[in-house]
Structures are given as C-alpha cells and as structure tokens.
Amino acid sequence: MSWSFSVPAVPAAEFSERAREAYYASLPSIRRGNPDGADQAESALRHAVSLVADGVVGRGTVSADCSGHGNAGHEPAKGCVNDQITITVRCADQYVEPKAEAETVDTDGGAASGVTSSGAAEATPVGPARSGAASKRRR
C-alpha cells in the first residue's frame, strides 16, 4: 500500500527534528494501512535527513516530500504496482538580487558628492538643470 509524509519549509538546522515529527505523526496510519511500507518510510526519513545534513540542497530553508508503495514482503503482487520510494528535498530559499552600492547626492551648489558603502568619498560635477527656465536662459 501507499504511504507519504511531508516536511514544511523550515531552517535547515531544524530539518531533522521537524522531519522526525512529520514521520512519527504519519506512522500510525502507515502501519495500519501498510505495515510493509513502514520500513520504507523510515528509510526515506533517514535519507532526507542525510541530504539536508550534508548540505547538498542548500543550507537555508528546506522542505521535503517522501512517499512510496510497499507490497507485502516487498514482493510483486497481482493487481498492485511494484515497490517504489520517492524522496524530494528542496531548497525553499528565494534568490535575492544583490544591492548596488548606496550613493547619496548633494544638490546644494551644483556638485554631487557621495560616500560609497566602503566609506570612500567622491565628487562629481553636476551642471544646471536642462529643463524649464534654466535651459531657456542658456540659448
């Protein structure tokens, strides 16, 4: 019979504990409906925890889905699918675009000055506005 359990997105440092909680919460129904699937579910738990502990799916936030089907004695059975186990462990972090260096502009005398995030000061000349009355006076 088929079985499954899922681990919601959690910090990788908490994954082992949360995965065990999800497994143990589903174990009574797995054993009741599929005694031969219980050993598969336990093996899936160990492997999912190992993948996260090894850091091969990210070290931030991770989630998992484990499912399978175990026939009696793990032997092919008429009218049943063969044994199978699926373990999906995914990084649940979102990519964050790196921020550009912050620069401030001083508009008090026709010069822009800024301080980069590294603390280096810089000055850039700024000409008069090119729209409205200022641009008409230059012509």
N, C-alpha and C. Protein backbone atom coordinates (compact mmCIF):
# COMPACT_ATOMS: atom_id res chain seq x y z
N MET A 1 0.83 -1.19 0.00
CA MET A 1 0.00 0.00 0.00
C MET A 1 0.87 1.25 0.00
N SER A 2 0.27 2.34 -0.39
CA SER A 2 0.99 3.61 -0.50
C SER A 2 1.07 4.33 0.84
N TRP A 3 2.09 5.16 0.99
CA TRP A 3 2.31 5.95 2.20
C TRP A 3 2.94 7.27 1.80
N SER A 4 2.88 8.25 2.69
CA SER A 4 3.56 9.53 2.43
C SER A 4 3.63 10.36 3.71
N PHE A 5 4.60 11.27 3.74
CA PHE A 5 4.66 12.31 4.76
C PHE A 5 5.43 13.48 4.17
N SER A 6 5.15 14.68 4.67
CA SER A 6 5.77 15.91 4.16
C SER A 6 6.35 16.73 5.30
N VAL A 7 7.42 17.43 5.00
CA VAL A 7 8.05 18.34 5.96
C VAL A 7 7.92 19.75 5.38
N PRO A 8 7.22 20.65 6.08
CA PRO A 8 7.08 22.02 5.56
C PRO A 8 8.43 22.74 5.58
N ALA A 9 8.49 23.87 4.89
CA ALA A 9 9.73 24.65 4.83
C ALA A 9 10.15 25.09 6.23
N VAL A 10 11.37 24.71 6.59
CA VAL A 10 11.95 25.05 7.89
C VAL A 10 13.43 25.36 7.70
N PRO A 11 14.05 26.09 8.64
CA PRO A 11 15.50 26.28 8.55
C PRO A 11 16.21 24.92 8.56
N ALA A 12 17.26 24.79 7.78
CA ALA A 12 17.97 23.51 7.66
C ALA A 12 18.40 22.97 9.03
N ALA A 13 18.75 23.86 9.96
CA ALA A 13 19.18 23.43 11.29
C ALA A 13 18.06 22.72 12.06
N GLU A 14 16.80 22.98 11.69
CA GLU A 14 15.65 22.35 12.36
C GLU A 14 15.08 21.17 11.58
N PHE A 15 15.63 20.91 10.39
CA PHE A 15 15.02 19.93 9.50
C PHE A 15 14.92 18.54 10.11
N SER A 16 15.99 18.04 10.70
CA SER A 16 15.99 16.69 11.26
C SER A 16 14.85 16.50 12.26
N GLU A 17 14.72 17.45 13.18
CA GLU A 17 13.66 17.35 14.20
C GLU A 17 12.28 17.43 13.56
N ARG A 18 12.08 18.36 12.65
CA ARG A 18 10.76 18.52 12.01
C ARG A 18 10.42 17.32 11.12
N ALA A 19 11.42 16.75 10.46
CA ALA A 19 11.19 15.57 9.62
C ALA A 19 10.76 14.38 10.48
N ARG A 20 11.42 14.21 11.61
CA ARG A 20 11.04 13.12 12.52
C ARG A 20 9.61 13.32 13.04
N GLU A 21 9.25 14.56 13.36
CA GLU A 21 7.88 14.84 13.81
C GLU A 21 6.87 14.47 12.73
N ALA A 22 7.14 14.84 11.47
CA ALA A 22 6.23 14.52 10.37
C ALA A 22 6.13 13.01 10.17
N TYR A 23 7.26 12.34 10.24
CA TYR A 23 7.28 10.88 10.09
C TYR A 23 6.47 10.21 11.21
N TYR A 24 6.75 10.58 12.45
CA TYR A 24 6.05 9.94 13.57
C TYR A 24 4.55 10.27 13.57
N ALA A 25 4.17 11.46 13.11
CA ALA A 25 2.76 11.80 13.02
C ALA A 25 2.03 10.93 12.00
N SER A 26 2.71 10.55 10.93
CA SER A 26 2.08 9.73 9.89
C SER A 26 2.25 8.23 10.13
N LEU A 27 3.14 7.84 11.01
CA LEU A 27 3.46 6.42 11.22
C LEU A 27 2.26 5.56 11.60
N PRO A 28 1.37 6.00 12.50
CA PRO A 28 0.22 5.13 12.82
C PRO A 28 -0.62 4.76 11.60
N SER A 29 -0.88 5.73 10.73
CA SER A 29 -1.68 5.40 9.54
C SER A 29 -0.88 4.57 8.55
N ILE A 30 0.43 4.77 8.48
CA ILE A 30 1.26 3.95 7.60
C ILE A 30 1.23 2.50 8.08
N ARG A 31 1.42 2.30 9.36
CA ARG A 31 1.43 0.93 9.91
C ARG A 31 0.07 0.27 9.78
N ARG A 32 -0.98 1.03 9.99
CA ARG A 32 -2.33 0.48 9.94
C ARG A 32 -2.67 0.03 8.51
N GLY A 33 -2.36 0.86 7.54
CA GLY A 33 -2.72 0.53 6.16
C GLY A 33 -1.64 -0.17 5.38
N ASN A 34 -0.40 -0.15 5.89
CA ASN A 34 0.70 -0.66 5.09
C ASN A 34 1.89 -1.04 5.96
N PRO A 35 1.78 -2.13 6.69
CA PRO A 35 2.89 -2.49 7.57
C PRO A 35 4.22 -2.64 6.83
N ASP A 36 4.18 -3.10 5.59
CA ASP A 36 5.42 -3.28 4.85
C ASP A 36 5.95 -1.96 4.28
N GLY A 37 5.16 -0.91 4.34
CA GLY A 37 5.64 0.40 3.91
C GLY A 37 6.33 1.17 5.02
N ALA A 38 6.14 0.73 6.27
CA ALA A 38 6.72 1.45 7.40
C ALA A 38 8.25 1.47 7.33
N ASP A 39 8.86 0.34 6.94
CA ASP A 39 10.32 0.34 6.84
C ASP A 39 10.80 1.23 5.69
N GLN A 40 10.00 1.32 4.61
CA GLN A 40 10.34 2.23 3.52
C GLN A 40 10.29 3.68 4.00
N ALA A 41 9.24 4.04 4.74
CA ALA A 41 9.10 5.41 5.22
C ALA A 41 10.25 5.77 6.16
N GLU A 42 10.64 4.84 7.00
CA GLU A 42 11.76 5.10 7.91
C GLU A 42 13.05 5.31 7.13
N SER A 43 13.27 4.51 6.10
CA SER A 43 14.46 4.68 5.27
C SER A 43 14.43 6.02 4.53
N ALA A 44 13.26 6.41 4.01
CA ALA A 44 13.12 7.69 3.33
C ALA A 44 13.44 8.84 4.29
N LEU A 45 12.98 8.74 5.54
CA LEU A 45 13.28 9.75 6.55
C LEU A 45 14.79 9.87 6.73
N ARG A 46 15.47 8.75 6.92
CA ARG A 46 16.93 8.78 7.14
C ARG A 46 17.65 9.44 5.96
N HIS A 47 17.23 9.10 4.74
CA HIS A 47 17.91 9.65 3.57
C HIS A 47 17.62 11.15 3.39
N ALA A 48 16.40 11.57 3.63
CA ALA A 48 16.07 13.00 3.53
C ALA A 48 16.88 13.80 4.55
N VAL A 49 16.94 13.30 5.77
CA VAL A 49 17.72 13.99 6.82
C VAL A 49 19.19 14.03 6.43
N SER A 50 19.70 12.96 5.86
CA SER A 50 21.10 12.91 5.45
C SER A 50 21.41 13.93 4.35
N LEU A 51 20.50 14.06 3.38
CA LEU A 51 20.72 15.03 2.29
C LEU A 51 20.82 16.45 2.83
N VAL A 52 19.96 16.79 3.78
CA VAL A 52 19.99 18.14 4.36
C VAL A 52 21.24 18.31 5.22
N ALA A 53 21.56 17.31 6.04
CA ALA A 53 22.74 17.39 6.90
C ALA A 53 24.03 17.53 6.08
N ASP A 54 24.07 16.91 4.90
CA ASP A 54 25.25 17.01 4.04
C ASP A 54 25.34 18.36 3.33
N GLY A 55 24.28 19.16 3.39
CA GLY A 55 24.29 20.48 2.78
C GLY A 55 24.23 20.47 1.26
N VAL A 56 23.74 19.39 0.66
CA VAL A 56 23.73 19.28 -0.80
C VAL A 56 22.49 19.87 -1.45
N VAL A 57 21.54 20.38 -0.65
CA VAL A 57 20.33 21.02 -1.21
C VAL A 57 20.14 22.41 -0.65
N GLY A 58 21.19 23.03 -0.20
CA GLY A 58 21.09 24.36 0.39
C GLY A 58 21.21 24.28 1.89
N ARG A 59 21.59 25.41 2.45
CA ARG A 59 21.78 25.44 3.91
C ARG A 59 20.83 26.40 4.58
N GLY A 60 19.91 26.98 3.81
CA GLY A 60 18.96 27.94 4.36
C GLY A 60 17.68 27.25 4.81
N THR A 61 16.63 27.44 4.04
CA THR A 61 15.33 26.86 4.34
C THR A 61 15.07 25.70 3.40
N VAL A 62 14.64 24.57 3.94
CA VAL A 62 14.40 23.38 3.13
C VAL A 62 13.05 22.75 3.48
N SER A 63 12.51 21.99 2.52
CA SER A 63 11.28 21.24 2.75
C SER A 63 11.43 19.89 2.07
N ALA A 64 10.51 18.96 2.37
CA ALA A 64 10.62 17.62 1.78
C ALA A 64 9.26 16.96 1.66
N ASP A 65 9.18 16.07 0.67
CA ASP A 65 8.04 15.18 0.50
C ASP A 65 8.61 13.78 0.31
N CYS A 66 8.09 12.84 1.07
CA CYS A 66 8.53 11.46 0.96
C CYS A 66 7.28 10.60 0.75
N SER A 67 7.36 9.70 -0.20
CA SER A 67 6.21 8.82 -0.47
C SER A 67 6.71 7.51 -1.03
N GLY A 68 5.82 6.53 -1.02
CA GLY A 68 6.21 5.24 -1.57
C GLY A 68 5.05 4.27 -1.58
N HIS A 69 5.39 3.07 -1.99
CA HIS A 69 4.42 1.98 -2.04
C HIS A 69 5.18 0.71 -1.69
N GLY A 70 4.66 -0.03 -0.74
CA GLY A 70 5.30 -1.27 -0.34
C GLY A 70 4.32 -2.43 -0.36
N ASN A 71 4.60 -3.41 -1.18
CA ASN A 71 3.77 -4.62 -1.20
C ASN A 71 4.16 -5.53 -0.04
N ALA A 72 3.29 -6.44 0.29
CA ALA A 72 3.56 -7.41 1.36
C ALA A 72 4.86 -8.14 1.06
N GLY A 73 5.76 -8.13 2.03
CA GLY A 73 7.04 -8.81 1.87
C GLY A 73 7.92 -8.18 0.80
N HIS A 74 7.55 -7.02 0.32
CA HIS A 74 8.28 -6.33 -0.75
C HIS A 74 8.43 -7.21 -2.00
N GLU A 75 7.38 -7.96 -2.28
CA GLU A 75 7.33 -8.82 -3.45
C GLU A 75 6.28 -8.30 -4.41
N PRO A 76 6.48 -8.45 -5.72
CA PRO A 76 5.45 -8.05 -6.67
C PRO A 76 4.13 -8.77 -6.35
N ALA A 77 3.04 -8.06 -6.51
CA ALA A 77 1.72 -8.64 -6.19
C ALA A 77 0.78 -8.38 -7.36
N LYS A 78 -0.06 -9.35 -7.63
CA LYS A 78 -1.04 -9.21 -8.72
C LYS A 78 -1.96 -8.03 -8.42
N GLY A 79 -2.12 -7.17 -9.43
CA GLY A 79 -3.02 -6.02 -9.29
C GLY A 79 -2.44 -4.84 -8.53
N CYS A 80 -1.17 -4.93 -8.12
CA CYS A 80 -0.53 -3.84 -7.38
C CYS A 80 0.69 -3.34 -8.14
N VAL A 81 1.01 -2.09 -7.97
CA VAL A 81 2.26 -1.58 -8.54
C VAL A 81 3.42 -2.17 -7.75
N ASN A 82 4.59 -2.16 -8.34
CA ASN A 82 5.77 -2.63 -7.64
C ASN A 82 6.19 -1.63 -6.58
N ASP A 83 7.02 -2.09 -5.66
CA ASP A 83 7.54 -1.21 -4.62
C ASP A 83 8.25 -0.01 -5.23
N GLN A 84 8.10 1.12 -4.59
CA GLN A 84 8.81 2.33 -5.02
C GLN A 84 8.89 3.30 -3.86
N ILE A 85 9.92 4.14 -3.88
CA ILE A 85 10.11 5.19 -2.87
C ILE A 85 10.53 6.46 -3.61
N THR A 86 9.90 7.58 -3.27
CA THR A 86 10.27 8.87 -3.84
C THR A 86 10.61 9.82 -2.70
N ILE A 87 11.78 10.42 -2.78
CA ILE A 87 12.23 11.39 -1.78
C ILE A 87 12.54 12.68 -2.52
N THR A 88 11.82 13.74 -2.18
CA THR A 88 12.07 15.05 -2.77
C THR A 88 12.45 16.00 -1.65
N VAL A 89 13.67 16.52 -1.72
CA VAL A 89 14.14 17.51 -0.75
C VAL A 89 14.50 18.73 -1.55
N ARG A 90 13.93 19.88 -1.16
CA ARG A 90 14.16 21.09 -1.96
C ARG A 90 14.58 22.26 -1.07
N CYS A 91 15.41 23.11 -1.67
CA CYS A 91 15.76 24.37 -1.06
C CYS A 91 14.56 25.29 -1.24
N ALA A 92 14.10 25.90 -0.18
CA ALA A 92 12.92 26.76 -0.25
C ALA A 92 13.28 28.24 -0.21
N ASP A 93 14.58 28.56 -0.27
CA ASP A 93 15.01 29.96 -0.26
C ASP A 93 14.72 30.61 -1.61
N GLN A 94 14.47 31.90 -1.58
CA GLN A 94 14.27 32.68 -2.79
C GLN A 94 15.55 33.46 -3.09
N TYR A 95 15.88 33.59 -4.37
CA TYR A 95 17.04 34.37 -4.77
C TYR A 95 16.79 35.84 -4.46
N VAL A 96 17.77 36.50 -3.89
CA VAL A 96 17.68 37.92 -3.59
C VAL A 96 18.77 38.63 -4.39
N GLU A 97 18.36 39.59 -5.21
CA GLU A 97 19.29 40.35 -6.03
C GLU A 97 20.23 41.14 -5.11
N PRO A 98 21.55 41.07 -5.33
CA PRO A 98 22.47 41.85 -4.51
C PRO A 98 22.18 43.35 -4.68
N LYS A 99 22.30 44.08 -3.60
CA LYS A 99 22.06 45.53 -3.65
C LYS A 99 23.29 46.24 -4.18
N ALA A 100 23.07 47.27 -5.02
CA ALA A 100 24.16 48.10 -5.52
C ALA A 100 24.67 48.97 -4.38
N GLU A 101 25.91 49.49 -4.54
CA GLU A 101 26.44 50.38 -3.51
C GLU A 101 25.55 51.60 -3.37
N ALA A 102 25.28 51.98 -2.15
CA ALA A 102 24.44 53.15 -1.90
C ALA A 102 25.25 54.42 -2.13
N GLU A 103 24.66 55.41 -2.78
CA GLU A 103 25.33 56.68 -3.03
C GLU A 103 24.32 57.79 -2.78
N THR A 104 24.77 58.82 -2.07
CA THR A 104 23.91 59.97 -1.82
C THR A 104 24.32 61.11 -2.72
N VAL A 105 23.38 61.97 -3.07
CA VAL A 105 23.66 63.10 -3.95
C VAL A 105 23.36 64.39 -3.20
N ASP A 106 24.33 65.32 -3.24
CA ASP A 106 24.18 66.63 -2.62
C ASP A 106 23.89 67.63 -3.72
N THR A 107 22.76 68.30 -3.66
CA THR A 107 22.36 69.22 -4.74
C THR A 107 22.40 70.68 -4.29
N ASP A 108 23.27 71.03 -3.34
CA ASP A 108 23.25 72.38 -2.79
C ASP A 108 24.13 73.39 -3.51
N GLY A 109 24.86 73.04 -4.49
CA GLY A 109 25.69 74.06 -5.13
C GLY A 109 26.16 73.61 -6.49
N GLY A 110 25.46 72.76 -7.09
CA GLY A 110 25.86 72.32 -8.41
C GLY A 110 26.89 71.21 -8.38
N ALA A 111 27.16 70.61 -7.23
CA ALA A 111 28.09 69.49 -7.17
C ALA A 111 27.43 68.33 -6.45
N ALA A 112 27.66 67.16 -6.95
CA ALA A 112 27.13 65.97 -6.28
C ALA A 112 28.29 65.33 -5.53
N SER A 113 28.03 64.94 -4.33
CA SER A 113 29.06 64.22 -3.60
C SER A 113 28.42 62.99 -3.00
N GLY A 114 29.18 61.97 -2.89
CA GLY A 114 28.63 60.74 -2.33
C GLY A 114 29.67 60.03 -1.52
N VAL A 115 29.21 59.18 -0.68
CA VAL A 115 30.09 58.32 0.07
C VAL A 115 29.63 56.91 -0.23
N THR A 116 30.50 56.12 -0.77
CA THR A 116 30.13 54.74 -1.10
C THR A 116 30.08 53.93 0.18
N SER A 117 29.54 52.73 0.07
CA SER A 117 29.44 51.89 1.25
C SER A 117 30.80 51.52 1.81
N SER A 118 31.86 51.66 1.02
CA SER A 118 33.20 51.38 1.52
C SER A 118 33.77 52.56 2.30
N GLY A 119 33.05 53.72 2.29
CA GLY A 119 33.50 54.88 3.04
C GLY A 119 34.31 55.85 2.21
N ALA A 120 34.56 55.56 0.94
CA ALA A 120 35.35 56.45 0.09
C ALA A 120 34.49 57.60 -0.39
N ALA A 121 34.99 58.82 -0.23
CA ALA A 121 34.24 60.00 -0.68
C ALA A 121 34.56 60.26 -2.13
N GLU A 122 33.58 60.75 -2.86
CA GLU A 122 33.81 61.10 -4.26
C GLU A 122 32.95 62.29 -4.60
N ALA A 123 33.40 63.10 -5.59
CA ALA A 123 32.64 64.27 -6.03
C ALA A 123 32.50 64.22 -7.53
N THR A 124 31.33 64.57 -8.01
CA THR A 124 31.06 64.59 -9.44
C THR A 124 30.39 65.91 -9.77
N PRO A 125 30.94 66.68 -10.74
CA PRO A 125 30.28 67.94 -11.08
C PRO A 125 28.91 67.68 -11.70
N VAL A 126 27.98 68.56 -11.37
CA VAL A 126 26.63 68.45 -11.90
C VAL A 126 26.28 69.78 -12.53
N GLY A 127 25.86 69.79 -13.79
CA GLY A 127 25.50 71.03 -14.48
C GLY A 127 24.11 71.47 -14.09
N PRO A 128 23.72 72.69 -14.54
CA PRO A 128 22.38 73.18 -14.22
C PRO A 128 21.33 72.32 -14.90
N ALA A 129 20.14 72.40 -14.40
CA ALA A 129 19.03 71.63 -14.95
C ALA A 129 18.83 71.97 -16.41
N ARG A 130 18.44 71.02 -17.21
CA ARG A 130 18.27 71.23 -18.65
C ARG A 130 16.80 71.30 -19.04
N SER A 131 15.96 71.60 -18.11
CA SER A 131 14.54 71.72 -18.47
C SER A 131 14.01 73.03 -17.91
N GLY A 132 12.90 73.47 -18.40
CA GLY A 132 12.24 74.67 -17.88
C GLY A 132 13.02 75.94 -18.14
N ALA A 133 12.97 76.88 -17.23
CA ALA A 133 13.56 78.21 -17.38
C ALA A 133 15.07 78.16 -17.53
N ALA A 134 15.74 77.26 -16.83
CA ALA A 134 17.19 77.20 -16.89
C ALA A 134 17.68 76.91 -18.30
N SER A 135 17.04 76.01 -19.02
CA SER A 135 17.50 75.69 -20.35
C SER A 135 17.18 76.81 -21.34
N LYS A 136 16.12 77.59 -21.12
CA LYS A 136 15.78 78.71 -22.00
C LYS A 136 16.75 79.86 -21.84
N ARG A 137 17.31 80.06 -20.64
CA ARG A 137 18.25 81.16 -20.41
C ARG A 137 19.56 80.93 -21.13
N ARG A 138 19.96 79.72 -21.35
CA ARG A 138 21.24 79.43 -21.99
C ARG A 138 21.22 79.68 -23.49
N ARG A 139 20.14 79.71 -24.11
CA ARG A 139 20.07 79.83 -25.58
C ARG A 139 20.40 81.18 -26.04
